[in-house]
């Protein structure tokens, strides 16, 4: 079924004594019993500082000419900035825009501005991620995380063309340019589309305001990320452009490899809305839908969990987007137990590379089925 509007699909009512009621009650009990706040703790603030330093220290060294004319050192600094950009995206910006740093909205709002600093726009990100992706996970036509360019087929509900047979090979290139496209054209295209679907209203911004702010933020971004290095790094302009591309290729590929194995997997349900009496609805409740369309990976990797902001615990994140990611590992056993109580699956891949392999196999399957 093709979804024509973005606000007409409803999930099944959760009913009494539902899975969601049980898992929320148990997780709330965990925080209350242990006298723990679901918001950021000291570890989260330390991580925030580390991620910001990983991005801004290499930039400062580069723009002040500290590379000393060494191409290897110069490109290494850009490469490190790519990892810093990834860390800011997964461990700082993401939590801030979900409001999990503090119960004080002003704190979260202030920190969320880091997205504009690295080239994005909070309003379009919140609509795509918080509103559409977290509500309609893996629903073709609604979840924009999977409604990508025509060259990529992420759902069995999407049209299949002959070239999709090879997407398991070429998809990784498009993953590399993900953030580059985002920092150039994506925000403009999204804000126009969201205006057509009346999604800007809830963000309290008009189309003119959004377009003006996006332009202003992009000018600021490209001024400091390209113009200043060209003027002061002591390197030729084309080396600066190459370093800039290296940074985005690094961040784009890594971020895609974190998010894609969480949903585009063979274990995902990819349910489609049904039409009854002229109304579109999903067969499952929202919470059940999230569980059956989401997968965790590498739960035992402390380093990966730390760097990716706990996003390898996607099941916990989708059920509790208002909980800071530093708590996901601790509430994961509670969530897993609740899924078992209700006979629901709890998809998890043991390692990061196993998850990537399974995602690659799913791309291959979607291109050939």
Protein backbone atom coordinates (compact mmCIF):
# COMPACT_ATOMS: atom_id res chain seq x y z
CA UNK A 1 0.00 0.00 0.00
CA UNK A 2 1.34 3.43 -0.96
CA UNK A 3 1.14 6.08 1.74
CA UNK A 4 0.05 9.42 0.31
CA UNK A 5 0.18 11.52 3.49
CA UNK A 6 2.44 11.46 6.50
CA UNK A 7 -0.19 11.72 9.22
CA UNK A 8 -2.85 9.14 8.44
CA UNK A 9 -1.30 5.87 9.59
CA UNK A 10 -2.21 4.69 13.06
CA UNK A 11 -0.82 1.84 15.13
CA UNK A 12 -2.95 -0.73 16.93
CA UNK A 13 -3.95 0.29 20.47
CA UNK A 14 -1.67 -1.20 23.12
CA UNK A 15 -4.53 -2.38 25.31
CA UNK A 16 -4.26 -3.29 28.98
CA UNK A 17 -1.22 -5.06 30.45
CA UNK A 18 0.66 -4.52 27.22
CA UNK A 19 4.29 -5.20 26.43
CA UNK A 20 5.00 -1.49 26.45
CA UNK A 21 3.37 -1.00 29.85
CA UNK A 22 5.44 -3.80 31.33
CA UNK A 23 8.79 -2.76 29.90
CA UNK A 24 8.26 0.90 30.85
CA UNK A 25 7.26 -0.06 34.40
CA UNK A 26 10.30 -2.29 34.82
CA UNK A 27 12.74 0.28 33.46
CA UNK A 28 11.22 3.03 35.61
CA UNK A 29 11.55 0.75 38.62
CA UNK A 30 15.22 0.22 37.78
CA UNK A 31 15.92 3.96 37.80
CA UNK A 32 13.87 4.58 40.94
CA UNK A 33 15.25 1.64 42.92
CA UNK A 34 18.85 2.54 42.13
CA UNK A 35 18.20 6.27 42.53
CA UNK A 36 19.58 6.93 39.03
CA UNK A 37 18.57 9.75 36.74
CA UNK A 38 17.67 8.70 33.18
CA UNK A 39 19.51 11.79 31.94
CA UNK A 40 23.22 12.35 31.38
CA UNK A 41 25.72 11.56 34.13
CA UNK A 42 29.35 12.47 34.66
CA UNK A 43 30.54 9.88 32.15
CA UNK A 44 28.31 11.44 29.51
CA UNK A 45 29.70 14.91 30.10
CA UNK A 46 33.28 13.62 29.93
CA UNK A 47 32.48 11.85 26.67
CA UNK A 48 30.96 15.04 25.28
CA UNK A 49 34.18 16.94 25.94
CA UNK A 50 36.29 14.17 24.39
CA UNK A 51 34.20 14.09 21.21
CA UNK A 52 34.32 17.85 20.82
CA UNK A 53 38.09 17.83 21.29
CA UNK A 54 38.47 15.05 18.72
CA UNK A 55 36.90 17.37 16.16
CA UNK A 56 38.17 20.81 17.15
CA UNK A 57 41.76 20.04 18.19
CA UNK A 58 42.76 18.64 14.76
CA UNK A 59 40.95 21.57 13.14
CA UNK A 60 42.83 24.09 15.26
CA UNK A 61 46.18 22.44 14.51
CA UNK A 62 45.39 22.41 10.81
CA UNK A 63 44.09 25.95 10.45
CA UNK A 64 47.03 27.37 12.39
CA UNK A 65 49.49 25.71 10.03
CA UNK A 66 50.78 23.19 12.58
CA UNK A 67 50.89 20.49 9.88
CA UNK A 68 54.14 22.12 8.81
CA UNK A 69 53.69 21.36 5.13
CA UNK A 70 53.40 17.60 5.71
CA UNK A 71 50.66 16.17 3.53
CA UNK A 72 50.51 13.02 5.66
CA UNK A 73 49.97 14.98 8.86
CA UNK A 74 47.55 17.36 7.12
CA UNK A 75 45.30 14.56 5.85
CA UNK A 76 45.62 12.72 9.17
CA UNK A 77 44.12 15.76 10.89
CA UNK A 78 41.17 15.73 8.47
CA UNK A 79 40.80 11.98 9.03
CA UNK A 80 40.65 12.52 12.80
CA UNK A 81 38.07 15.23 12.26
CA UNK A 82 35.97 12.66 10.41
CA UNK A 83 35.99 10.48 13.51
CA UNK A 84 35.29 13.50 15.67
CA UNK A 85 32.35 14.40 13.46
CA UNK A 86 31.07 10.83 13.83
CA UNK A 87 31.46 10.97 17.60
CA UNK A 88 29.64 14.28 17.79
CA UNK A 89 26.83 12.83 15.69
CA UNK A 90 26.36 9.66 17.70
CA UNK A 91 27.30 10.75 21.21
CA UNK A 92 26.49 14.46 21.45
CA UNK A 93 24.08 15.81 18.84
CA UNK A 94 21.90 12.71 18.87
CA UNK A 95 21.25 12.75 22.61
CA UNK A 96 20.79 16.52 22.72
CA UNK A 97 18.11 16.45 20.02
CA UNK A 98 16.34 13.65 21.88
CA UNK A 99 16.42 15.78 25.04
CA UNK A 100 18.37 13.31 27.16
CA UNK A 101 21.14 15.50 28.55
CA UNK A 102 18.97 17.20 31.10
CA UNK A 103 15.38 17.67 32.22
CA UNK A 104 16.02 21.33 31.43
CA UNK A 105 15.01 21.88 27.80
CA UNK A 106 17.29 24.88 27.49
CA UNK A 107 20.33 22.72 28.21
CA UNK A 108 19.37 20.21 25.54
CA UNK A 109 18.52 22.95 23.08
CA UNK A 110 21.87 24.68 23.62
CA UNK A 111 23.88 21.50 23.10
CA UNK A 112 21.80 20.55 20.04
CA UNK A 113 23.25 23.58 18.22
CA UNK A 114 26.39 21.50 17.70
CA UNK A 115 24.57 20.03 14.70
CA UNK A 116 24.62 23.42 12.97
CA UNK A 117 28.31 23.76 13.81
CA UNK A 118 29.10 20.55 11.90
CA UNK A 119 26.93 21.56 8.94
CA UNK A 120 23.42 20.25 9.63
CA UNK A 121 20.08 21.75 10.66
CA UNK A 122 18.27 20.65 13.81
CA UNK A 123 14.73 21.17 12.53
CA UNK A 124 14.97 18.86 9.51
CA UNK A 125 16.95 16.29 11.52
CA UNK A 126 14.33 16.19 14.25
CA UNK A 127 11.52 15.72 11.74
CA UNK A 128 13.31 12.98 9.82
CA UNK A 129 14.66 11.17 12.86
CA UNK A 130 12.51 11.89 15.91
CA UNK A 131 9.16 12.19 14.14
CA UNK A 132 9.30 9.95 11.06
CA UNK A 133 11.98 7.35 11.77
CA UNK A 134 11.15 6.75 15.42
CA UNK A 135 7.43 6.59 14.72
CA UNK A 136 7.30 4.68 11.44
CA UNK A 137 10.49 2.61 11.56
CA UNK A 138 10.98 0.64 8.32
CA UNK A 139 7.59 1.68 6.90
CA UNK A 140 8.18 2.44 3.22
CA UNK A 141 6.91 5.88 2.29
CA UNK A 142 7.09 7.18 5.85
CA UNK A 143 10.52 6.35 7.28
CA UNK A 144 12.89 8.61 5.34
CA UNK A 145 15.91 6.73 6.68
CA UNK A 146 15.03 3.96 4.25
CA UNK A 147 13.41 6.02 1.49
CA UNK A 148 16.70 6.87 -0.15
CA UNK A 149 17.71 7.43 -3.78
CA UNK A 150 16.33 5.13 -6.47
CA UNK A 151 19.67 3.32 -6.73
CA UNK A 152 19.21 1.88 -3.24
CA UNK A 153 16.44 -0.54 -2.25
CA UNK A 154 16.14 -0.91 1.52
CA UNK A 155 12.74 -2.59 1.78
CA UNK A 156 10.88 -5.43 0.04
CA UNK A 157 8.00 -2.93 -0.16
CA UNK A 158 9.96 -0.68 -2.53
CA UNK A 159 10.17 -1.09 -6.33
CA UNK A 160 13.02 -3.27 -7.55
CA UNK A 161 15.05 -2.47 -10.65
CA UNK A 162 17.73 -4.44 -12.46
CA UNK A 163 20.60 -2.39 -11.03
CA UNK A 164 19.62 -3.29 -7.47
CA UNK A 165 21.28 -6.66 -8.11
CA UNK A 166 24.57 -4.87 -7.59
CA UNK A 167 23.64 -2.59 -4.72
CA UNK A 168 25.44 -4.77 -2.19
CA UNK A 169 28.61 -3.66 -4.01
CA UNK A 170 27.99 0.01 -4.75
CA UNK A 171 25.86 0.94 -1.69
CA UNK A 172 29.00 1.55 0.36
CA UNK A 173 30.01 4.41 -1.94
CA UNK A 174 26.69 6.15 -1.33
CA UNK A 175 27.16 5.56 2.38
CA UNK A 176 30.47 7.43 2.11
CA UNK A 177 28.86 10.55 0.63
CA UNK A 178 25.91 10.54 3.05
CA UNK A 179 27.07 13.43 5.22
CA UNK A 180 28.43 15.36 2.22
CA UNK A 181 24.99 15.32 0.58
CA UNK A 182 23.44 16.22 3.93
CA UNK A 183 25.67 19.26 4.41
CA UNK A 184 24.99 20.57 0.89
CA UNK A 185 21.54 19.86 -0.58
CA UNK A 186 19.59 17.56 1.73
CA UNK A 187 18.42 20.14 4.27
CA UNK A 188 17.02 22.37 1.50
CA UNK A 189 15.18 19.49 -0.17
CA UNK A 190 13.78 18.26 3.12
CA UNK A 191 12.52 21.59 4.39
CA UNK A 192 10.56 22.16 1.18
CA UNK A 193 9.07 18.67 1.37
CA UNK A 194 8.22 19.04 5.05
CA UNK A 195 6.44 22.30 4.32
CA UNK A 196 4.24 20.47 1.80
CA UNK A 197 3.31 17.95 4.50
CA UNK A 198 2.73 20.58 7.21
CA UNK A 199 5.56 19.18 9.33
CA UNK A 200 7.26 22.53 9.91
CA UNK A 201 4.33 23.85 11.90
CA UNK A 202 5.02 21.64 14.92
CA UNK A 203 8.62 22.81 14.87
CA UNK A 204 7.38 26.41 15.11
CA UNK A 205 9.21 27.58 12.00
CA UNK A 206 8.01 28.86 8.63
CA UNK A 207 9.50 27.85 5.30
CA UNK A 208 11.09 31.28 4.82
CA UNK A 209 12.61 31.18 8.28
CA UNK A 210 13.93 27.66 7.72
CA UNK A 211 15.47 28.49 4.34
CA UNK A 212 17.10 31.63 5.75
CA UNK A 213 18.54 29.79 8.76
CA UNK A 214 19.79 26.87 6.69
CA UNK A 215 21.57 29.28 4.35
CA UNK A 216 23.06 31.20 7.25
CA UNK A 217 24.28 28.02 8.95
CA UNK A 218 25.75 26.65 5.70
CA UNK A 219 27.63 29.89 5.07
CA UNK A 220 29.06 29.73 8.58
CA UNK A 221 30.00 26.06 8.15
CA UNK A 222 31.72 26.37 4.80
CA UNK A 223 33.46 29.56 5.88
CA UNK A 224 35.27 27.94 8.77
CA UNK A 225 35.64 24.43 7.32
CA UNK A 226 36.98 25.45 3.89
CA UNK A 227 37.77 29.17 3.63
CA UNK A 228 39.83 29.47 6.82
CA UNK A 229 41.98 26.38 6.09
CA UNK A 230 42.58 27.63 2.54
CA UNK A 231 43.70 31.00 3.90
CA UNK A 232 45.74 29.92 6.91
CA UNK A 233 46.75 26.23 6.76
CA UNK A 234 49.58 26.88 4.33
CA UNK A 235 48.32 24.10 2.05
CA UNK A 236 47.06 24.45 -1.56
CA UNK A 237 43.31 24.88 -1.91
CA UNK A 238 42.92 21.52 -3.63
CA UNK A 239 44.54 19.76 -0.67
CA UNK A 240 42.05 21.45 1.62
CA UNK A 241 39.17 20.26 -0.58
CA UNK A 242 40.61 16.73 -0.62
CA UNK A 243 40.92 16.77 3.16
CA UNK A 244 37.37 18.03 3.49
CA UNK A 245 36.16 15.15 1.31
CA UNK A 246 38.23 12.68 3.33
CA UNK A 247 36.58 13.89 6.52
CA UNK A 248 33.10 13.43 5.07
CA UNK A 249 33.86 10.06 3.47
CA UNK A 250 35.13 8.83 6.84
CA UNK A 251 32.15 10.12 8.81
CA UNK A 252 29.56 9.15 6.19
CA UNK A 253 30.74 5.56 5.88
CA UNK A 254 31.08 4.99 9.60
CA UNK A 255 27.75 6.57 10.53
CA UNK A 256 25.97 4.56 7.83
CA UNK A 257 27.62 1.37 9.06
CA UNK A 258 26.26 2.12 12.53
CA UNK A 259 22.67 2.91 11.56
CA UNK A 260 22.00 0.53 8.65
CA UNK A 261 22.63 -2.80 10.47
CA UNK A 262 20.13 -1.65 13.08
CA UNK A 263 17.14 -1.85 10.73
CA UNK A 264 17.96 -3.03 7.20
CA UNK A 265 18.35 -6.63 8.20
CA UNK A 266 16.70 -9.90 7.23
CA UNK A 267 15.24 -10.17 10.73
CA UNK A 268 13.23 -6.94 10.27
CA UNK A 269 9.51 -7.23 9.58
CA UNK A 270 9.10 -4.33 7.08
CA UNK A 271 5.37 -4.22 7.75
CA UNK A 272 3.14 -2.15 5.51
CA UNK A 273 -0.02 -0.22 6.48
CA UNK A 274 -3.35 -1.89 5.87
CA UNK A 275 -6.48 -0.14 4.66
CA UNK A 276 -9.75 -0.75 6.54
CA UNK A 277 -12.88 1.35 6.01
CA UNK A 278 -10.81 3.96 4.25
CA UNK A 279 -8.31 4.31 7.13
CA UNK A 280 -4.65 3.26 7.13
CA UNK A 281 -3.40 1.35 10.14
CA UNK A 282 -0.64 -0.98 11.28
CA UNK A 283 -1.37 -4.46 12.57
CA UNK A 284 1.02 -4.17 15.53
CA UNK A 285 1.21 -1.67 18.35
CA UNK A 286 3.95 0.92 18.07
CA UNK A 287 6.21 -0.73 20.68
CA UNK A 288 5.93 -4.18 19.10
CA UNK A 289 6.57 -2.64 15.69
CA UNK A 290 9.79 -1.07 16.98
CA UNK A 291 11.05 -4.34 18.45
CA UNK A 292 10.44 -6.44 15.36
CA UNK A 293 12.06 -3.87 13.06
CA UNK A 294 15.17 -3.17 15.10
CA UNK A 295 18.36 -5.06 15.91
CA UNK A 296 21.22 -4.65 18.38
CA UNK A 297 24.83 -5.56 17.71
CA UNK A 298 28.14 -5.99 19.53
CA UNK A 299 26.66 -5.71 23.05
CA UNK A 300 29.94 -6.88 24.60
CA UNK A 301 32.13 -4.31 22.86
CA UNK A 302 32.68 -1.59 25.45
CA UNK A 303 34.80 0.58 23.12
CA UNK A 304 32.30 0.49 20.27
CA UNK A 305 29.37 1.13 22.62
CA UNK A 306 31.21 4.09 24.08
CA UNK A 307 32.12 5.66 20.76
CA UNK A 308 28.79 5.16 18.96
CA UNK A 309 26.74 6.56 21.79
CA UNK A 310 25.15 3.24 22.68
CA UNK A 311 23.47 3.09 19.28
CA UNK A 312 24.40 -0.57 19.04
CA UNK A 313 21.54 -0.90 21.55
CA UNK A 314 18.95 0.29 19.05
CA UNK A 315 16.07 -1.68 20.57
CA UNK A 316 16.50 0.12 23.87
CA UNK A 317 16.97 3.43 22.09
CA UNK A 318 13.76 3.08 20.08
CA UNK A 319 11.70 2.09 23.08
CA UNK A 320 13.28 4.74 25.33
CA UNK A 321 14.46 7.64 23.16
CA UNK A 322 14.16 9.94 26.17
CA UNK A 323 16.76 8.00 28.16
CA UNK A 324 20.43 8.98 27.81
CA UNK A 325 22.42 6.35 25.93
CA UNK A 326 24.85 5.77 28.82
CA UNK A 327 22.06 3.72 30.47
CA UNK A 328 21.21 1.44 27.53
CA UNK A 329 23.58 -1.36 28.50
CA UNK A 330 22.07 -1.52 31.99
CA UNK A 331 18.44 -1.56 30.87
CA UNK A 332 19.05 -3.99 28.00
CA UNK A 333 18.57 -7.13 30.16
CA UNK A 334 15.27 -5.68 31.39
CA UNK A 335 14.06 -5.06 27.85
CA UNK A 336 15.20 -8.49 26.71
CA UNK A 337 13.35 -10.14 29.59
CA UNK A 338 10.17 -8.24 28.76
CA UNK A 339 10.31 -9.31 25.10
CA UNK A 340 10.65 -12.93 26.23
CA UNK A 341 7.63 -12.56 28.53
CA UNK A 342 5.50 -11.52 25.56
CA UNK A 343 6.99 -13.93 23.04
CA UNK A 344 8.62 -11.17 21.03
CA UNK A 345 11.96 -11.47 19.24
CA UNK A 346 15.04 -9.69 20.52
CA UNK A 347 17.35 -9.46 17.52
CA UNK A 348 21.04 -9.06 18.28
CA UNK A 349 24.23 -9.71 16.31
CA UNK A 350 27.25 -10.69 18.43
CA UNK A 351 29.80 -8.41 16.72
CA UNK A 352 29.91 -5.24 14.63
CA UNK A 353 31.41 -7.03 11.64
CA UNK A 354 28.81 -9.79 11.85
CA UNK A 355 26.11 -7.12 11.75
CA UNK A 356 27.74 -5.49 8.72
CA UNK A 357 27.98 -8.85 6.99
CA UNK A 358 24.31 -9.57 7.63
CA UNK A 359 23.38 -6.09 6.37
CA UNK A 360 25.39 -6.72 3.20
CA UNK A 361 23.56 -10.00 2.68
CA UNK A 362 20.26 -8.21 3.13
CA UNK A 363 21.24 -5.63 0.48
CA UNK A 364 22.03 -8.53 -1.83
CA UNK A 365 18.74 -10.24 -1.11
CA UNK A 366 16.72 -7.06 -1.62
CA UNK A 367 18.41 -6.60 -4.98
CA UNK A 368 17.54 -10.08 -6.21
CA UNK A 369 14.25 -11.19 -4.71
